[in-house]
């Protein structure tokens, strides 16, 4: 069983053009690999915006609420101590810890959200078995059409027309 068809390109412009052409031909299960971010590549592949901003915001709000609530509980409810005649609920003194826990909550949410959304940790991936694929971290650009794409039978002829440096069948 095949994982997909991997096409290697020499430059970012060639990969971006190939991604646009692949999407225009109706292929939907397409992945691109590059040694650096390429502007417009996600849009060319038809990727939706990620919910990472919302996940990070919710984590920050949760962290801030936990920080403020923890201080409120300890200063007002559990151990009310009148220090210097200030009110028990003196919110300006709660701000530094609330801010720090907001940042910590947002960072944790972003980190774990990224891990979950990327499906990590992944101990095995079929592309790891392709010897040439390690060039994706250095100087080569790859486009992979997955075998589960409904139009995969037409992929080999289509990819040949894109004039890649090489075409590799990735075993599943």
Foldseek 3Di string as FASTA:
>chain_A
DFFWKKFKAQDPVLQQVLLLVCVVVPFQQKDKFALDDDPPSCVSNVHDDDCLVVQLQVQLVVQLCVQLVVQLCCQPPVDPDQDPNDDSCPPVVSPVSSNVSSNVSSVVSNVVVVCVVVVPPDPDDLLVVDPVVVCSNPGMMMMTRGPPTPCRVCVVVSSVVSVGPDMDTGHD
